[in-house]
Amino acid sequence: MAKMIHKRFESPDEIRVFEKGRVELVKLGEGMVGRMTLEPGWRWSQHVKPIANTSLCESPHFAYHISGRMHFVMEDGTEFEAGPGEVIMLTGRHNAWVVGNETVVIVDWSGVKDYAEKR
């Protein structure tokens, strides 16, 4: 029998809040999708690293960028910036921060299950 799941970020299954950011999570069967909202001045190394207790972000991300701009630096030094309308895919072991004064909103299909959870 076919199964359908229909959810909205306005009624998430879980919300994780951290300084200058939050992620709303919706669970879809065994999967999870998250909407990340990151305020100007947010930096992974400052605002999530103390929660994750890792030297770099370990979460892989496959995400659609709705608003704002972010800068990413991979462990090997590779860097890029992403903004509205772009789809990004990156492995774990990176740092990231908001660029400019606009709030970043990203919908992420792969890196949110353990994101900003105490380890």
PDB file of N, CA and C in Angstrom:
ATOM      1  N   MET A   1       0.834  -1.174   0.000  1.00  0.00           N
ATOM      2  CA  MET A   1       0.000   0.000   0.000  1.00  0.00           C
ATOM      3  C   MET A   1       0.886   1.248   0.000  1.00  0.00           C
ATOM      4  N   ALA A   2       0.535   2.223  -0.809  1.00  0.00           N
ATOM      5  CA  ALA A   2       1.294   3.467  -0.883  1.00  0.00           C
ATOM      6  C   ALA A   2       1.107   4.263   0.398  1.00  0.00           C
ATOM      7  N   LYS A   3       2.161   4.968   0.790  1.00  0.00           N
ATOM      8  CA  LYS A   3       2.107   5.782   2.003  1.00  0.00           C
ATOM      9  C   LYS A   3       2.461   7.213   1.644  1.00  0.00           C
ATOM     10  N   MET A   4       1.759   8.151   2.264  1.00  0.00           N
ATOM     11  CA  MET A   4       2.038   9.551   2.026  1.00  0.00           C
ATOM     12  C   MET A   4       2.245  10.245   3.366  1.00  0.00           C
ATOM     13  N   ILE A   5       3.248  11.115   3.414  1.00  0.00           N
ATOM     14  CA  ILE A   5       3.496  11.916   4.603  1.00  0.00           C
ATOM     15  C   ILE A   5       3.507  13.377   4.166  1.00  0.00           C
ATOM     16  N   HIS A   6       2.820  14.199   4.892  1.00  0.00           N
ATOM     17  CA  HIS A   6       2.716  15.623   4.546  1.00  0.00           C
ATOM     18  C   HIS A   6       2.909  16.427   5.820  1.00  0.00           C
ATOM     19  N   LYS A   7       3.950  17.250   5.867  1.00  0.00           N
ATOM     20  CA  LYS A   7       4.251  18.043   7.062  1.00  0.00           C
ATOM     21  C   LYS A   7       4.635  19.457   6.669  1.00  0.00           C
ATOM     22  N   ARG A   8       4.619  20.343   7.683  1.00  0.00           N
ATOM     23  CA  ARG A   8       4.986  21.742   7.480  1.00  0.00           C
ATOM     24  C   ARG A   8       6.037  22.149   8.510  1.00  0.00           C
ATOM     25  N   PHE A   9       6.963  23.012   8.098  1.00  0.00           N
ATOM     26  CA  PHE A   9       7.959  23.522   9.045  1.00  0.00           C
ATOM     27  C   PHE A   9       7.322  24.375  10.137  1.00  0.00           C
ATOM     28  N   GLU A  10       6.145  24.915   9.883  1.00  0.00           N
ATOM     29  CA  GLU A  10       5.460  25.711  10.898  1.00  0.00           C
ATOM     30  C   GLU A  10       4.981  24.852  12.073  1.00  0.00           C
ATOM     31  N   SER A  11       4.928  23.541  11.879  1.00  0.00           N
ATOM     32  CA  SER A  11       4.559  22.591  12.949  1.00  0.00           C
ATOM     33  C   SER A  11       5.600  21.480  12.989  1.00  0.00           C
ATOM     34  N   PRO A  12       6.854  21.803  13.321  1.00  0.00           N
ATOM     35  CA  PRO A  12       7.923  20.798  13.256  1.00  0.00           C
ATOM     36  C   PRO A  12       7.792  19.748  14.353  1.00  0.00           C
ATOM     37  N   ASP A  13       8.441  18.615  14.125  1.00  0.00           N
ATOM     38  CA  ASP A  13       8.492  17.551  15.130  1.00  0.00           C
ATOM     39  C   ASP A  13       9.454  17.905  16.249  1.00  0.00           C
ATOM     40  N   GLU A  14      10.450  18.707  15.922  1.00  0.00           N
ATOM     41  CA  GLU A  14      11.463  19.092  16.914  1.00  0.00           C
ATOM     42  C   GLU A  14      12.054  20.439  16.514  1.00  0.00           C
ATOM     43  N   ILE A  15      12.421  21.223  17.513  1.00  0.00           N
ATOM     44  CA  ILE A  15      13.112  22.490  17.290  1.00  0.00           C
ATOM     45  C   ILE A  15      14.368  22.494  18.156  1.00  0.00           C
ATOM     46  N   ARG A  16      15.492  22.804  17.555  1.00  0.00           N
ATOM     47  CA  ARG A  16      16.741  22.979  18.306  1.00  0.00           C
ATOM     48  C   ARG A  16      17.140  24.443  18.182  1.00  0.00           C
ATOM     49  N   VAL A  17      17.317  25.078  19.332  1.00  0.00           N
ATOM     50  CA  VAL A  17      17.666  26.498  19.369  1.00  0.00           C
ATOM     51  C   VAL A  17      19.067  26.640  19.944  1.00  0.00           C
ATOM     52  N   PHE A  18      19.856  27.494  19.331  1.00  0.00           N
ATOM     53  CA  PHE A  18      21.199  27.801  19.808  1.00  0.00           C
ATOM     54  C   PHE A  18      21.429  29.276  19.555  1.00  0.00           C
ATOM     55  N   GLU A  19      22.468  29.832  20.143  1.00  0.00           N
ATOM     56  CA  GLU A  19      22.713  31.266  19.988  1.00  0.00           C
ATOM     57  C   GLU A  19      22.788  31.647  18.512  1.00  0.00           C
ATOM     58  N   LYS A  20      22.013  32.643  18.114  1.00  0.00           N
ATOM     59  CA  LYS A  20      21.954  33.177  16.755  1.00  0.00           C
ATOM     60  C   LYS A  20      21.422  32.186  15.729  1.00  0.00           C
ATOM     61  N   GLY A  21      20.746  31.118  16.182  1.00  0.00           N
ATOM     62  CA  GLY A  21      20.214  30.184  15.204  1.00  0.00           C
ATOM     63  C   GLY A  21      19.217  29.194  15.759  1.00  0.00           C
ATOM     64  N   ARG A  22      18.586  28.509  14.836  1.00  0.00           N
ATOM     65  CA  ARG A  22      17.639  27.450  15.193  1.00  0.00           C
ATOM     66  C   ARG A  22      17.487  26.530  13.996  1.00  0.00           C
ATOM     67  N   VAL A  23      17.044  25.313  14.269  1.00  0.00           N
ATOM     68  CA  VAL A  23      16.708  24.381  13.201  1.00  0.00           C
ATOM     69  C   VAL A  23      15.381  23.731  13.565  1.00  0.00           C
ATOM     70  N   GLU A  24      14.448  23.772  12.617  1.00  0.00           N
ATOM     71  CA  GLU A  24      13.156  23.114  12.779  1.00  0.00           C
ATOM     72  C   GLU A  24      13.221  21.830  11.979  1.00  0.00           C
ATOM     73  N   LEU A  25      12.874  20.723  12.628  1.00  0.00           N
ATOM     74  CA  LEU A  25      13.004  19.404  12.022  1.00  0.00           C
ATOM     75  C   LEU A  25      11.644  18.763  11.793  1.00  0.00           C
ATOM     76  N   VAL A  26      11.475  18.194  10.608  1.00  0.00           N
ATOM     77  CA  VAL A  26      10.300  17.382  10.328  1.00  0.00           C
ATOM     78  C   VAL A  26      10.793  15.980   9.979  1.00  0.00           C
ATOM     79  N   LYS A  27      10.168  14.998  10.596  1.00  0.00           N
ATOM     80  CA  LYS A  27      10.522  13.600  10.359  1.00  0.00           C
ATOM     81  C   LYS A  27       9.572  13.036   9.316  1.00  0.00           C
ATOM     82  N   LEU A  28      10.155  12.380   8.330  1.00  0.00           N
ATOM     83  CA  LEU A  28       9.398  11.782   7.236  1.00  0.00           C
ATOM     84  C   LEU A  28       9.816  10.325   7.134  1.00  0.00           C
ATOM     85  N   GLY A  29       9.066   9.434   7.766  1.00  0.00           N
ATOM     86  CA  GLY A  29       9.465   8.033   7.809  1.00  0.00           C
ATOM     87  C   GLY A  29      10.790   7.921   8.537  1.00  0.00           C
ATOM     88  N   GLU A  30      11.774   7.337   7.885  1.00  0.00           N
ATOM     89  CA  GLU A  30      13.109   7.203   8.476  1.00  0.00           C
ATOM     90  C   GLU A  30      13.973   8.428   8.221  1.00  0.00           C
ATOM     91  N   GLY A  31      13.498   9.354   7.391  1.00  0.00           N
ATOM     92  CA  GLY A  31      14.277  10.530   7.041  1.00  0.00           C
ATOM     93  C   GLY A  31      13.898  11.750   7.864  1.00  0.00           C
ATOM     94  N   MET A  32      14.696  12.792   7.701  1.00  0.00           N
ATOM     95  CA  MET A  32      14.472  14.033   8.419  1.00  0.00           C
ATOM     96  C   MET A  32      14.927  15.194   7.535  1.00  0.00           C
ATOM     97  N   VAL A  33      14.137  16.252   7.519  1.00  0.00           N
ATOM     98  CA  VAL A  33      14.477  17.468   6.786  1.00  0.00           C
ATOM     99  C   VAL A  33      14.474  18.611   7.790  1.00  0.00           C
ATOM    100  N   GLY A  34      15.420  19.516   7.642  1.00  0.00           N
ATOM    101  CA  GLY A  34      15.493  20.629   8.579  1.00  0.00           C
ATOM    102  C   GLY A  34      15.525  21.970   7.880  1.00  0.00           C
ATOM    103  N   ARG A  35      14.883  22.942   8.498  1.00  0.00           N
ATOM    104  CA  ARG A  35      14.989  24.329   8.038  1.00  0.00           C
ATOM    105  C   ARG A  35      15.862  25.058   9.052  1.00  0.00           C
ATOM    106  N   MET A  36      17.039  25.476   8.601  1.00  0.00           N
ATOM    107  CA  MET A  36      17.979  26.188   9.460  1.00  0.00           C
ATOM    108  C   MET A  36      17.818  27.682   9.252  1.00  0.00           C
ATOM    109  N   THR A  37      17.734  28.421  10.348  1.00  0.00           N
ATOM    110  CA  THR A  37      17.669  29.878  10.307  1.00  0.00           C
ATOM    111  C   THR A  37      18.847  30.394  11.114  1.00  0.00           C
ATOM    112  N   LEU A  38      19.729  31.133  10.461  1.00  0.00           N
ATOM    113  CA  LEU A  38      20.965  31.604  11.077  1.00  0.00           C
ATOM    114  C   LEU A  38      21.039  33.117  10.957  1.00  0.00           C
ATOM    115  N   GLU A  39      21.189  33.784  12.081  1.00  0.00           N
ATOM    116  CA  GLU A  39      21.189  35.244  12.118  1.00  0.00           C
ATOM    117  C   GLU A  39      22.557  35.815  11.720  1.00  0.00           C
ATOM    118  N   PRO A  40      22.560  37.077  11.283  1.00  0.00           N
ATOM    119  CA  PRO A  40      23.845  37.741  11.013  1.00  0.00           C
ATOM    120  C   PRO A  40      24.763  37.624  12.236  1.00  0.00           C
ATOM    121  N   GLY A  41      26.025  37.363  11.967  1.00  0.00           N
ATOM    122  CA  GLY A  41      27.001  37.175  13.035  1.00  0.00           C
ATOM    123  C   GLY A  41      27.167  35.725  13.468  1.00  0.00           C
ATOM    124  N   TRP A  42      26.287  34.820  12.984  1.00  0.00           N
ATOM    125  CA  TRP A  42      26.403  33.401  13.351  1.00  0.00           C
ATOM    126  C   TRP A  42      27.654  32.800  12.733  1.00  0.00           C
ATOM    127  N   ARG A  43      28.372  32.013  13.546  1.00  0.00           N
ATOM    128  CA  ARG A  43      29.539  31.257  13.100  1.00  0.00           C
ATOM    129  C   ARG A  43      29.454  29.873  13.722  1.00  0.00           C
ATOM    130  N   TRP A  44      29.643  28.839  12.911  1.00  0.00           N
ATOM    131  CA  TRP A  44      29.603  27.481  13.457  1.00  0.00           C
ATOM    132  C   TRP A  44      30.608  27.350  14.596  1.00  0.00           C
ATOM    133  N   SER A  45      31.833  27.843  14.386  1.00  0.00           N
ATOM    134  CA  SER A  45      32.910  27.682  15.375  1.00  0.00           C
ATOM    135  C   SER A  45      32.599  28.362  16.702  1.00  0.00           C
ATOM    136  N   GLN A  46      31.736  29.345  16.692  1.00  0.00           N
ATOM    137  CA  GLN A  46      31.405  30.066  17.922  1.00  0.00           C
ATOM    138  C   GLN A  46      30.076  29.610  18.532  1.00  0.00           C
ATOM    139  N   HIS A  47      29.087  29.307  17.694  1.00  0.00           N
ATOM    140  CA  HIS A  47      27.745  29.086  18.200  1.00  0.00           C
ATOM    141  C   HIS A  47      27.282  27.632  18.233  1.00  0.00           C
ATOM    142  N   VAL A  48      27.923  26.743  17.466  1.00  0.00           N
ATOM    143  CA  VAL A  48      27.518  25.329  17.481  1.00  0.00           C
ATOM    144  C   VAL A  48      28.643  24.416  17.971  1.00  0.00           C
ATOM    145  N   LYS A  49      29.879  24.803  17.728  1.00  0.00           N
ATOM    146  CA  LYS A  49      31.026  23.984  18.167  1.00  0.00           C
ATOM    147  C   LYS A  49      30.938  23.607  19.650  1.00  0.00           C
ATOM    148  N   PRO A  50      30.576  24.520  20.553  1.00  0.00           N
ATOM    149  CA  PRO A  50      30.482  24.126  21.965  1.00  0.00           C
ATOM    150  C   PRO A  50      29.391  23.077  22.228  1.00  0.00           C
ATOM    151  N   ILE A  51      28.371  23.043  21.380  1.00  0.00           N
ATOM    152  CA  ILE A  51      27.307  22.044  21.521  1.00  0.00           C
ATOM    153  C   ILE A  51      27.763  20.708  20.941  1.00  0.00           C
ATOM    154  N   ALA A  52      28.345  20.764  19.738  1.00  0.00           N
ATOM    155  CA  ALA A  52      28.771  19.548  19.032  1.00  0.00           C
ATOM    156  C   ALA A  52      29.988  18.906  19.680  1.00  0.00           C
ATOM    157  N   ASN A  53      30.823  19.728  20.312  1.00  0.00           N
ATOM    158  CA  ASN A  53      32.044  19.237  20.945  1.00  0.00           C
ATOM    159  C   ASN A  53      32.970  18.537  19.940  1.00  0.00           C
ATOM    160  N   THR A  54      33.055  19.114  18.735  1.00  0.00           N
ATOM    161  CA  THR A  54      33.972  18.636  17.697  1.00  0.00           C
ATOM    162  C   THR A  54      34.743  19.845  17.176  1.00  0.00           C
ATOM    163  N   SER A  55      35.883  19.617  16.555  1.00  0.00           N
ATOM    164  CA  SER A  55      36.693  20.740  16.082  1.00  0.00           C
ATOM    165  C   SER A  55      36.107  21.402  14.842  1.00  0.00           C
ATOM    166  N   LEU A  56      35.392  20.646  14.016  1.00  0.00           N
ATOM    167  CA  LEU A  56      34.730  21.155  12.818  1.00  0.00           C
ATOM    168  C   LEU A  56      33.329  20.553  12.751  1.00  0.00           C
ATOM    169  N   CYS A  57      32.478  21.117  11.907  1.00  0.00           N
ATOM    170  CA  CYS A  57      31.147  20.546  11.714  1.00  0.00           C
ATOM    171  C   CYS A  57      31.294  19.186  11.043  1.00  0.00           C
ATOM    172  N   GLU A  58      30.746  18.164  11.649  1.00  0.00           N
ATOM    173  CA  GLU A  58      30.848  16.803  11.129  1.00  0.00           C
ATOM    174  C   GLU A  58      29.667  16.434  10.230  1.00  0.00           C
ATOM    175  N   SER A  59      28.659  17.307  10.163  1.00  0.00           N
ATOM    176  CA  SER A  59      27.451  16.995   9.404  1.00  0.00           C
ATOM    177  C   SER A  59      27.655  17.219   7.912  1.00  0.00           C
ATOM    178  N   PRO A  60      27.285  16.232   7.087  1.00  0.00           N
ATOM    179  CA  PRO A  60      27.246  16.494   5.651  1.00  0.00           C
ATOM    180  C   PRO A  60      25.988  17.308   5.365  1.00  0.00           C
ATOM    181  N   HIS A  61      26.010  18.124   4.338  1.00  0.00           N
ATOM    182  CA  HIS A  61      24.836  18.920   4.016  1.00  0.00           C
ATOM    183  C   HIS A  61      24.485  18.789   2.543  1.00  0.00           C
ATOM    184  N   PHE A  62      23.214  18.602   2.276  1.00  0.00           N
ATOM    185  CA  PHE A  62      22.635  18.633   0.936  1.00  0.00           C
ATOM    186  C   PHE A  62      21.448  19.558   1.085  1.00  0.00           C
ATOM    187  N   ALA A  63      21.609  20.806   0.676  1.00  0.00           N
ATOM    188  CA  ALA A  63      20.661  21.829   1.088  1.00  0.00           C
ATOM    189  C   ALA A  63      20.336  22.815  -0.030  1.00  0.00           C
ATOM    190  N   TYR A  64      19.149  23.409   0.108  1.00  0.00           N
ATOM    191  CA  TYR A  64      18.715  24.484  -0.772  1.00  0.00           C
ATOM    192  C   TYR A  64      18.753  25.784   0.015  1.00  0.00           C
ATOM    193  N   HIS A  65      19.404  26.770  -0.539  1.00  0.00           N
ATOM    194  CA  HIS A  65      19.644  28.055   0.115  1.00  0.00           C
ATOM    195  C   HIS A  65      18.510  29.023  -0.263  1.00  0.00           C
ATOM    196  N   ILE A  66      17.698  29.420   0.725  1.00  0.00           N
ATOM    197  CA  ILE A  66      16.553  30.295   0.464  1.00  0.00           C
ATOM    198  C   ILE A  66      16.919  31.774   0.557  1.00  0.00           C
ATOM    199  N   SER A  67      17.643  32.148   1.615  1.00  0.00           N
ATOM    200  CA  SER A  67      17.981  33.568   1.778  1.00  0.00           C
ATOM    201  C   SER A  67      19.312  33.727   2.498  1.00  0.00           C
ATOM    202  N   GLY A  68      19.887  34.918   2.382  1.00  0.00           N
ATOM    203  CA  GLY A  68      21.165  35.214   3.022  1.00  0.00           C
ATOM    204  C   GLY A  68      22.336  34.551   2.318  1.00  0.00           C
ATOM    205  N   ARG A  69      23.535  34.851   2.803  1.00  0.00           N
ATOM    206  CA  ARG A  69      24.758  34.276   2.216  1.00  0.00           C
ATOM    207  C   ARG A  69      25.585  33.619   3.312  1.00  0.00           C
ATOM    208  N   MET A  70      26.243  32.518   2.950  1.00  0.00           N
ATOM    209  CA  MET A  70      27.135  31.806   3.870  1.00  0.00           C
ATOM    210  C   MET A  70      28.466  31.535   3.203  1.00  0.00           C
ATOM    211  N   HIS A  71      29.491  31.507   4.017  1.00  0.00           N
ATOM    212  CA  HIS A  71      30.837  31.148   3.568  1.00  0.00           C
ATOM    213  C   HIS A  71      31.190  29.819   4.221  1.00  0.00           C
ATOM    214  N   PHE A  72      31.755  28.902   3.437  1.00  0.00           N
ATOM    215  CA  PHE A  72      32.138  27.575   3.921  1.00  0.00           C
ATOM    216  C   PHE A  72      33.629  27.374   3.690  1.00  0.00           C
ATOM    217  N   VAL A  73      34.300  26.763   4.670  1.00  0.00           N
ATOM    218  CA  VAL A  73      35.704  26.400   4.533  1.00  0.00           C
ATOM    219  C   VAL A  73      35.824  24.929   4.923  1.00  0.00           C
ATOM    220  N   MET A  74      36.269  24.126   3.949  1.00  0.00           N
ATOM    221  CA  MET A  74      36.446  22.694   4.197  1.00  0.00           C
ATOM    222  C   MET A  74      37.762  22.454   4.936  1.00  0.00           C
ATOM    223  N   GLU A  75      37.887  21.299   5.524  1.00  0.00           N
ATOM    224  CA  GLU A  75      39.092  20.951   6.285  1.00  0.00           C
ATOM    225  C   GLU A  75      40.356  21.088   5.443  1.00  0.00           C
ATOM    226  N   ASP A  76      40.269  20.802   4.138  1.00  0.00           N
ATOM    227  CA  ASP A  76      41.458  20.885   3.276  1.00  0.00           C
ATOM    228  C   ASP A  76      41.754  22.316   2.811  1.00  0.00           C
ATOM    229  N   GLY A  77      40.949  23.294   3.281  1.00  0.00           N
ATOM    230  CA  GLY A  77      41.177  24.691   2.919  1.00  0.00           C
ATOM    231  C   GLY A  77      40.331  25.189   1.759  1.00  0.00           C
ATOM    232  N   THR A  78      39.636  24.299   1.067  1.00  0.00           N
ATOM    233  CA  THR A  78      38.744  24.702  -0.018  1.00  0.00           C
ATOM    234  C   THR A  78      37.643  25.592   0.548  1.00  0.00           C
ATOM    235  N   GLU A  79      37.358  26.703  -0.144  1.00  0.00           N
ATOM    236  CA  GLU A  79      36.351  27.650   0.339  1.00  0.00           C
ATOM    237  C   GLU A  79      35.350  27.964  -0.758  1.00  0.00           C
ATOM    238  N   PHE A  80      34.121  28.280  -0.363  1.00  0.00           N
ATOM    239  CA  PHE A  80      33.142  28.801  -1.303  1.00  0.00           C
ATOM    240  C   PHE A  80      32.065  29.550  -0.536  1.00  0.00           C
ATOM    241  N   GLU A  81      31.317  30.365  -1.267  1.00  0.00           N
ATOM    242  CA  GLU A  81      30.218  31.119  -0.684  1.00  0.00           C
ATOM    243  C   GLU A  81      28.948  30.728  -1.435  1.00  0.00           C
ATOM    244  N   ALA A  82      27.829  30.657  -0.712  1.00  0.00           N
ATOM    245  CA  ALA A  82      26.560  30.276  -1.327  1.00  0.00           C
ATOM    246  C   ALA A  82      25.467  31.238  -0.906  1.00  0.00           C
ATOM    247  N   GLY A  83      24.475  31.384  -1.778  1.00  0.00           N
ATOM    248  CA  GLY A  83      23.371  32.286  -1.493  1.00  0.00           C
ATOM    249  C   GLY A  83      22.069  31.806  -2.089  1.00  0.00           C
ATOM    250  N   PRO A  84      21.067  32.656  -2.093  1.00  0.00           N
ATOM    251  CA  PRO A  84      19.722  32.297  -2.519  1.00  0.00           C
ATOM    252  C   PRO A  84      19.665  31.625  -3.887  1.00  0.00           C
ATOM    253  N   GLY A  85      18.865  30.568  -3.956  1.00  0.00           N
ATOM    254  CA  GLY A  85      18.675  29.846  -5.206  1.00  0.00           C
ATOM    255  C   GLY A  85      19.704  28.768  -5.470  1.00  0.00           C
ATOM    256  N   GLU A  86      20.734  28.677  -4.632  1.00  0.00           N
ATOM    257  CA  GLU A  86      21.781  27.678  -4.849  1.00  0.00           C
ATOM    258  C   GLU A  86      21.511  26.415  -4.046  1.00  0.00           C
ATOM    259  N   VAL A  87      21.943  25.292  -4.606  1.00  0.00           N
ATOM    260  CA  VAL A  87      21.888  24.008  -3.926  1.00  0.00           C
ATOM    261  C   VAL A  87      23.319  23.639  -3.593  1.00  0.00           C
ATOM    262  N   ILE A  88      23.562  23.255  -2.344  1.00  0.00           N
ATOM    263  CA  ILE A  88      24.918  22.900  -1.937  1.00  0.00           C
ATOM    264  C   ILE A  88      24.950  21.454  -1.449  1.00  0.00           C
ATOM    265  N   MET A  89      26.095  20.837  -1.656  1.00  0.00           N
ATOM    266  CA  MET A  89      26.342  19.504  -1.119  1.00  0.00           C
ATOM    267  C   MET A  89      27.784  19.491  -0.637  1.00  0.00           C
ATOM    268  N   LEU A  90      27.980  19.209   0.641  1.00  0.00           N
ATOM    269  CA  LEU A  90      29.331  19.138   1.166  1.00  0.00           C
ATOM    270  C   LEU A  90      29.411  18.075   2.257  1.00  0.00           C
ATOM    271  N   THR A  91      30.592  17.535   2.388  1.00  0.00           N
ATOM    272  CA  THR A  91      30.835  16.524   3.409  1.00  0.00           C
ATOM    273  C   THR A  91      31.049  17.195   4.751  1.00  0.00           C
ATOM    274  N   GLY A  92      31.136  16.389   5.780  1.00  0.00           N
ATOM    275  CA  GLY A  92      31.481  16.900   7.095  1.00  0.00           C
ATOM    276  C   GLY A  92      32.916  17.409   7.099  1.00  0.00           C
ATOM    277  N   ARG A  93      33.333  17.942   8.256  1.00  0.00           N
ATOM    278  CA  ARG A  93      34.680  18.485   8.453  1.00  0.00           C
ATOM    279  C   ARG A  93      34.821  19.841   7.763  1.00  0.00           C
ATOM    280  N   HIS A  94      33.968  20.786   8.161  1.00  0.00           N
ATOM    281  CA  HIS A  94      34.006  22.134   7.616  1.00  0.00           C
ATOM    282  C   HIS A  94      33.621  23.139   8.697  1.00  0.00           C
ATOM    283  N   ASN A  95      33.870  24.398   8.413  1.00  0.00           N
ATOM    284  CA  ASN A  95      33.417  25.511   9.235  1.00  0.00           C
ATOM    285  C   ASN A  95      32.551  26.377   8.320  1.00  0.00           C
ATOM    286  N   ALA A  96      31.684  27.202   8.905  1.00  0.00           N
ATOM    287  CA  ALA A  96      30.815  28.056   8.098  1.00  0.00           C
ATOM    288  C   ALA A  96      30.380  29.257   8.919  1.00  0.00           C
ATOM    289  N   TRP A  97      30.017  30.343   8.209  1.00  0.00           N
ATOM    290  CA  TRP A  97      29.505  31.514   8.896  1.00  0.00           C
ATOM    291  C   TRP A  97      28.617  32.310   7.952  1.00  0.00           C
ATOM    292  N   VAL A  98      27.748  33.118   8.560  1.00  0.00           N
ATOM    293  CA  VAL A  98      26.864  34.011   7.812  1.00  0.00           C
ATOM    294  C   VAL A  98      27.692  35.195   7.325  1.00  0.00           C
ATOM    295  N   VAL A  99      27.473  35.574   6.062  1.00  0.00           N
ATOM    296  CA  VAL A  99      28.138  36.722   5.456  1.00  0.00           C
ATOM    297  C   VAL A  99      27.116  37.846   5.340  1.00  0.00           C
ATOM    298  N   GLY A 100      27.450  39.024   5.827  1.00  0.00           N
ATOM    299  CA  GLY A 100      26.579  40.179   5.687  1.00  0.00           C
ATOM    300  C   GLY A 100      25.521  40.287   6.773  1.00  0.00           C
ATOM    301  N   ASN A 101      24.502  41.095   6.491  1.00  0.00           N
ATOM    302  CA  ASN A 101      23.493  41.433   7.488  1.00  0.00           C
ATOM    303  C   ASN A 101      22.133  40.794   7.249  1.00  0.00           C
ATOM    304  N   GLU A 102      22.052  39.831   6.342  1.00  0.00           N
ATOM    305  CA  GLU A 102      20.776  39.177   6.067  1.00  0.00           C
ATOM    306  C   GLU A 102      20.737  37.804   6.741  1.00  0.00           C
ATOM    307  N   THR A 103      19.598  37.470   7.318  1.00  0.00           N
ATOM    308  CA  THR A 103      19.408  36.156   7.927  1.00  0.00           C
ATOM    309  C   THR A 103      19.475  35.081   6.853  1.00  0.00           C
ATOM    310  N   VAL A 104      20.159  33.985   7.166  1.00  0.00           N
ATOM    311  CA  VAL A 104      20.268  32.836   6.264  1.00  0.00           C
ATOM    312  C   VAL A 104      19.165  31.845   6.595  1.00  0.00           C
ATOM    313  N   VAL A 105      18.486  31.368   5.559  1.00  0.00           N
ATOM    314  CA  VAL A 105      17.515  30.277   5.705  1.00  0.00           C
ATOM    315  C   VAL A 105      17.881  29.221   4.677  1.00  0.00           C
ATOM    316  N   ILE A 106      18.054  27.993   5.169  1.00  0.00           N
ATOM    317  CA  ILE A 106      18.459  26.861   4.337  1.00  0.00           C
ATOM    318  C   ILE A 106      17.557  25.677   4.665  1.00  0.00           C
ATOM    319  N   VAL A 107      17.150  24.921   3.647  1.00  0.00           N
ATOM    320  CA  VAL A 107      16.453  23.657   3.861  1.00  0.00           C
ATOM    321  C   VAL A 107      17.457  22.548   3.563  1.00  0.00           C
ATOM    322  N   ASP A 108      17.698  21.687   4.552  1.00  0.00           N
ATOM    323  CA  ASP A 108      18.759  20.672   4.490  1.00  0.00           C
ATOM    324  C   ASP A 108      18.150  19.270   4.576  1.00  0.00           C
ATOM    325  N   TRP A 109      18.498  18.424   3.592  1.00  0.00           N
ATOM    326  CA  TRP A 109      17.979  17.056   3.552  1.00  0.00           C
ATOM    327  C   TRP A 109      18.917  16.019   4.146  1.00  0.00           C
ATOM    328  N   SER A 110      20.151  16.373   4.474  1.00  0.00           N
ATOM    329  CA  SER A 110      21.043  15.298   4.927  1.00  0.00           C
ATOM    330  C   SER A 110      21.795  15.563   6.215  1.00  0.00           C
ATOM    331  N   GLY A 111      21.992  16.798   6.611  1.00  0.00           N
ATOM    332  CA  GLY A 111      22.890  17.044   7.730  1.00  0.00           C
ATOM    333  C   GLY A 111      22.243  17.431   9.035  1.00  0.00           C
ATOM    334  N   VAL A 112      20.935  17.239   9.171  1.00  0.00           N
ATOM    335  CA  VAL A 112      20.268  17.794  10.340  1.00  0.00           C
ATOM    336  C   VAL A 112      19.946  16.798  11.451  1.00  0.00           C
ATOM    337  N   LYS A 113      20.053  15.531  11.174  1.00  0.00           N
ATOM    338  CA  LYS A 113      19.653  14.533  12.174  1.00  0.00           C
ATOM    339  C   LYS A 113      20.335  14.768  13.522  1.00  0.00           C
ATOM    340  N   ASP A 114      21.631  14.991  13.511  1.00  0.00           N
ATOM    341  CA  ASP A 114      22.391  15.195  14.751  1.00  0.00           C
ATOM    342  C   ASP A 114      22.863  16.629  14.917  1.00  0.00           C
ATOM    343  N   TYR A 115      22.423  17.540  14.063  1.00  0.00           N
ATOM    344  CA  TYR A 115      22.939  18.908  14.076  1.00  0.00           C
ATOM    345  C   TYR A 115      22.563  19.632  15.359  1.00  0.00           C
ATOM    346  N   ALA A 116      23.553  20.255  15.975  1.00  0.00           N
ATOM    347  CA  ALA A 116      23.379  21.065  17.203  1.00  0.00           C
ATOM    348  C   ALA A 116      22.813  20.238  18.352  1.00  0.00           C
ATOM    349  N   GLU A 117      23.192  18.957  18.399  1.00  0.00           N
ATOM    350  CA  GLU A 117      22.820  18.098  19.536  1.00  0.00           C
ATOM    351  C   GLU A 117      24.057  17.875  20.380  1.00  0.00           C
ATOM    352  N   LYS A 118      23.880  17.881  21.685  1.00  0.00           N
ATOM    353  CA  LYS A 118      25.009  17.610  22.596  1.00  0.00           C
ATOM    354  C   LYS A 118      25.563  16.224  22.311  1.00  0.00           C
ATOM    355  N   ARG A 119      26.906  16.144  22.268  1.00  0.00           N
ATOM    356  CA  ARG A 119      27.547  14.836  22.044  1.00  0.00           C
ATOM    357  C   ARG A 119      28.350  14.462  23.260  1.00  0.00           C
TER     358      ARG A 119
END
